[in-house]
PDB file of N, CA and C in Angstrom:
ATOM      1  N   MET A   1      95.890 -12.945 218.469  1.00  0.00           N
ATOM      2  CA  MET A   1      94.882 -14.297 217.962  1.00  0.00           C
ATOM      3  C   MET A   1      93.790 -13.027 217.644  1.00  0.00           C
ATOM      4  N   ILE A   2      92.807 -11.772 217.864  1.00  0.00           N
ATOM      5  CA  ILE A   2      92.280 -11.682 217.895  1.00  0.00           C
ATOM      6  C   ILE A   2      91.795 -10.893 216.669  1.00  0.00           C
ATOM      7  N   TRP A   3      93.305  -9.677 216.078  1.00  0.00           N
ATOM      8  CA  TRP A   3      93.336  -9.831 214.778  1.00  0.00           C
ATOM      9  C   TRP A   3      92.896 -10.460 213.582  1.00  0.00           C
ATOM     10  N   ALA A   4      93.287 -11.918 213.587  1.00  0.00           N
ATOM     11  CA  ALA A   4      93.311 -12.953 213.299  1.00  0.00           C
ATOM     12  C   ALA A   4      91.331 -12.780 213.384  1.00  0.00           C
ATOM     13  N   VAL A   5      90.619 -13.030 214.779  1.00  0.00           N
ATOM     14  CA  VAL A   5      89.417 -13.179 214.084  1.00  0.00           C
ATOM     15  C   VAL A   5      88.596 -11.551 213.594  1.00  0.00           C
ATOM     16  N   ILE A   6      89.362 -10.521 213.641  1.00  0.00           N
ATOM     17  CA  ILE A   6      87.968  -9.535 213.133  1.00  0.00           C
ATOM     18  C   ILE A   6      88.911 -10.093 211.582  1.00  0.00           C
ATOM     19  N   GLU A   7      89.822 -10.146 211.246  1.00  0.00           N
ATOM     20  CA  GLU A   7      90.338 -10.358 209.426  1.00  0.00           C
ATOM     21  C   GLU A   7      89.091 -11.590 208.763  1.00  0.00           C
ATOM     22  N   VAL A   8      89.125 -13.063 209.459  1.00  0.00           N
ATOM     23  CA  VAL A   8      87.581 -14.009 209.462  1.00  0.00           C
ATOM     24  C   VAL A   8      86.857 -12.871 209.515  1.00  0.00           C
ATOM     25  N   SER A   9      86.363 -12.594 210.213  1.00  0.00           N
ATOM     26  CA  SER A   9      84.790 -12.165 210.838  1.00  0.00           C
ATOM     27  C   SER A   9      83.964 -10.743 209.714  1.00  0.00           C
ATOM     28  N   VAL A  10      85.621 -10.218 209.125  1.00  0.00           N
ATOM     29  CA  VAL A  10      85.051  -9.153 207.676  1.00  0.00           C
ATOM     30  C   VAL A  10      84.877 -10.095 206.625  1.00  0.00           C
ATOM     31  N   ILE A  11      86.201 -10.967 205.976  1.00  0.00           N
ATOM     32  CA  ILE A  11      85.626 -11.723 205.009  1.00  0.00           C
ATOM     33  C   ILE A  11      84.518 -12.499 205.181  1.00  0.00           C
ATOM     34  N   VAL A  12      84.110 -13.140 205.897  1.00  0.00           N
ATOM     35  CA  VAL A  12      83.141 -13.663 206.190  1.00  0.00           C
ATOM     36  C   VAL A  12      81.613 -12.481 205.678  1.00  0.00           C
ATOM     37  N   VAL A  13      81.695 -11.189 206.220  1.00  0.00           N
ATOM     38  CA  VAL A  13      80.650 -10.002 205.841  1.00  0.00           C
ATOM     39  C   VAL A  13      80.920 -10.084 204.869  1.00  0.00           C
ATOM     40  N   ASP A  14      82.341 -10.272 204.151  1.00  0.00           N
ATOM     41  CA  ASP A  14      82.267  -9.533 202.693  1.00  0.00           C
ATOM     42  C   ASP A  14      81.699 -10.387 201.711  1.00  0.00           C
ATOM     43  N   PHE A  15      81.879 -11.577 202.347  1.00  0.00           N
ATOM     44  CA  PHE A  15      81.550 -13.023 201.357  1.00  0.00           C
ATOM     45  C   PHE A  15      79.429 -12.402 201.723  1.00  0.00           C
ATOM     46  N   LEU A  16      78.947 -12.280 202.268  1.00  0.00           N
ATOM     47  CA  LEU A  16      78.136 -12.469 202.503  1.00  0.00           C
ATOM     48  C   LEU A  16      77.625 -11.666 201.852  1.00  0.00           C
ATOM     49  N   VAL A  17      78.019  -9.992 201.488  1.00  0.00           N
ATOM     50  CA  VAL A  17      77.632  -9.324 201.319  1.00  0.00           C
ATOM     51  C   VAL A  17      77.281  -9.713 199.554  1.00  0.00           C
ATOM     52  N   VAL A  18      78.623 -10.392 198.915  1.00  0.00           N
ATOM     53  CA  VAL A  18      78.211 -10.398 197.883  1.00  0.00           C
ATOM     54  C   VAL A  18      77.670 -11.571 197.843  1.00  0.00           C
ATOM     55  N   ALA A  19      77.351 -12.612 198.569  1.00  0.00           N
ATOM     56  CA  ALA A  19      76.346 -13.276 198.003  1.00  0.00           C
ATOM     57  C   ALA A  19      75.023 -13.588 197.462  1.00  0.00           C
ATOM     58  N   SER A  20      74.681 -11.738 198.534  1.00  0.00           N
ATOM     59  CA  SER A  20      73.416 -11.738 199.259  1.00  0.00           C
ATOM     60  C   SER A  20      73.365 -11.042 197.688  1.00  0.00           C
ATOM     61  N   ALA A  21      74.167 -10.251 196.948  1.00  0.00           N
ATOM     62  CA  ALA A  21      74.144  -9.777 195.775  1.00  0.00           C
ATOM     63  C   ALA A  21      74.282 -10.391 194.251  1.00  0.00           C
ATOM     64  N   HIS A  22      74.389 -11.691 194.594  1.00  0.00           N
ATOM     65  CA  HIS A  22      74.278 -12.204 193.494  1.00  0.00           C
ATOM     66  C   HIS A  22      72.954 -13.152 193.346  1.00  0.00           C
ATOM     67  N   VAL A  23      72.348 -13.686 194.835  1.00  0.00           N
ATOM     68  CA  VAL A  23      71.683 -14.372 194.453  1.00  0.00           C
ATOM     69  C   VAL A  23      69.870 -13.755 194.253  1.00  0.00           C
ATOM     70  N   PRO A  24      70.071 -12.146 192.807  1.00  0.00           N
ATOM     71  CA  PRO A  24      69.009 -12.134 192.793  1.00  0.00           C
ATOM     72  C   PRO A  24      69.310 -12.535 191.109  1.00  0.00           C
ATOM     73  N   MET A  25      70.231 -12.381 191.327  1.00  0.00           N
ATOM     74  CA  MET A  25      70.741 -13.042 189.923  1.00  0.00           C
ATOM     75  C   MET A  25      70.289 -14.133 189.398  1.00  0.00           C
ATOM     76  N   LEU A  26      71.223 -15.051 190.656  1.00  0.00           N
ATOM     77  CA  LEU A  26      71.053 -16.806 190.114  1.00  0.00           C
ATOM     78  C   LEU A  26      69.718 -16.819 189.823  1.00  0.00           C
ATOM     79  N   VAL A  27      68.928 -16.275 190.928  1.00  0.00           N
ATOM     80  CA  VAL A  27      67.121 -16.965 190.309  1.00  0.00           C
ATOM     81  C   VAL A  27      67.250 -16.401 189.312  1.00  0.00           C
ATOM     82  N   HIS A  28      67.541 -15.332 189.460  1.00  0.00           N
ATOM     83  CA  HIS A  28      66.699 -14.672 188.065  1.00  0.00           C
ATOM     84  C   HIS A  28      67.215 -15.387 186.475  1.00  0.00           C
ATOM     85  N   VAL A  29      68.417 -16.184 186.510  1.00  0.00           N
ATOM     86  CA  VAL A  29      68.853 -17.119 185.271  1.00  0.00           C
ATOM     87  C   VAL A  29      67.990 -18.595 186.213  1.00  0.00           C
ATOM     88  N   LYS A  30      67.937 -18.843 187.492  1.00  0.00           N
ATOM     89  CA  LYS A  30      66.962 -19.931 187.058  1.00  0.00           C
ATOM     90  C   LYS A  30      65.785 -19.737 186.462  1.00  0.00           C
ATOM     91  N   ASP A  31      64.794 -18.987 186.677  1.00  0.00           N
ATOM     92  CA  ASP A  31      63.571 -18.951 185.514  1.00  0.00           C
ATOM     93  C   ASP A  31      64.333 -18.549 184.578  1.00  0.00           C
ATOM     94  N   LEU A  32      65.209 -18.349 183.789  1.00  0.00           N
ATOM     95  CA  LEU A  32      64.950 -18.197 182.767  1.00  0.00           C
ATOM     96  C   LEU A  32      65.300 -19.490 182.047  1.00  0.00           C
ATOM     97  N   VAL A  33      66.017 -20.252 182.943  1.00  0.00           N
ATOM     98  CA  VAL A  33      66.099 -21.575 181.918  1.00  0.00           C
ATOM     99  C   VAL A  33      65.057 -22.522 181.863  1.00  0.00           C
ATOM    100  N   LYS A  34      63.944 -22.190 183.045  1.00  0.00           N
ATOM    101  CA  LYS A  34      63.098 -23.036 183.194  1.00  0.00           C
ATOM    102  C   LYS A  34      61.678 -22.364 182.162  1.00  0.00           C
ATOM    103  N   GLN A  35      61.907 -21.563 181.603  1.00  0.00           N
ATOM    104  CA  GLN A  35      61.653 -20.811 180.316  1.00  0.00           C
ATOM    105  C   GLN A  35      62.028 -20.806 179.082  1.00  0.00           C
ATOM    106  N   LEU A  36      62.966 -21.521 179.039  1.00  0.00           N
ATOM    107  CA  LEU A  36      63.881 -21.725 178.240  1.00  0.00           C
ATOM    108  C   LEU A  36      63.281 -23.690 177.764  1.00  0.00           C
ATOM    109  N   GLN A  37      63.630 -24.832 179.427  1.00  0.00           N
ATOM    110  CA  GLN A  37      63.178 -25.710 179.091  1.00  0.00           C
ATOM    111  C   GLN A  37      61.630 -25.665 178.801  1.00  0.00           C
ATOM    112  N   VAL A  38      60.635 -25.405 178.895  1.00  0.00           N
ATOM    113  CA  VAL A  38      59.541 -25.057 178.739  1.00  0.00           C
ATOM    114  C   VAL A  38      59.067 -25.090 177.394  1.00  0.00           C
ATOM    115  N   LYS A  39      60.064 -23.862 176.487  1.00  0.00           N
ATOM    116  CA  LYS A  39      60.026 -23.315 175.149  1.00  0.00           C
ATOM    117  C   LYS A  39      60.667 -24.326 174.274  1.00  0.00           C
ATOM    118  N   ASN A  40      61.356 -24.822 175.277  1.00  0.00           N
ATOM    119  CA  ASN A  40      61.546 -26.875 173.772  1.00  0.00           C
ATOM    120  C   ASN A  40      61.210 -27.540 174.338  1.00  0.00           C
ATOM    121  N   LYS A  41      60.293 -27.570 175.423  1.00  0.00           N
ATOM    122  CA  LYS A  41      59.027 -29.113 175.742  1.00  0.00           C
ATOM    123  C   LYS A  41      57.564 -28.835 174.676  1.00  0.00           C
ATOM    124  N   GLU A  42      57.301 -27.368 174.308  1.00  0.00           N
ATOM    125  CA  GLU A  42      56.950 -27.269 173.597  1.00  0.00           C
ATOM    126  C   GLU A  42      56.801 -27.100 171.771  1.00  0.00           C
ATOM    127  N   SER A  43      57.963 -26.834 171.008  1.00  0.00           N
ATOM    128  CA  SER A  43      58.145 -26.813 169.993  1.00  0.00           C
ATOM    129  C   SER A  43      58.412 -27.925 169.767  1.00  0.00           C
ATOM    130  N   LYS A  44      59.078 -28.955 170.356  1.00  0.00           N
ATOM    131  CA  LYS A  44      58.982 -30.505 170.338  1.00  0.00           C
ATOM    132  C   LYS A  44      58.209 -31.564 170.135  1.00  0.00           C
TER     133      LYS A  44
END
């Protein structure tokens, strides 16, 4: 039973590490999308 809890916590920690590594990338992508939308509005 304890092993299952340890395994789950390890998976959660791995997930958090990966997620936190991807957050800056997601923010960057959102900024790029906003910039593209602004450019499209200006060109029309």
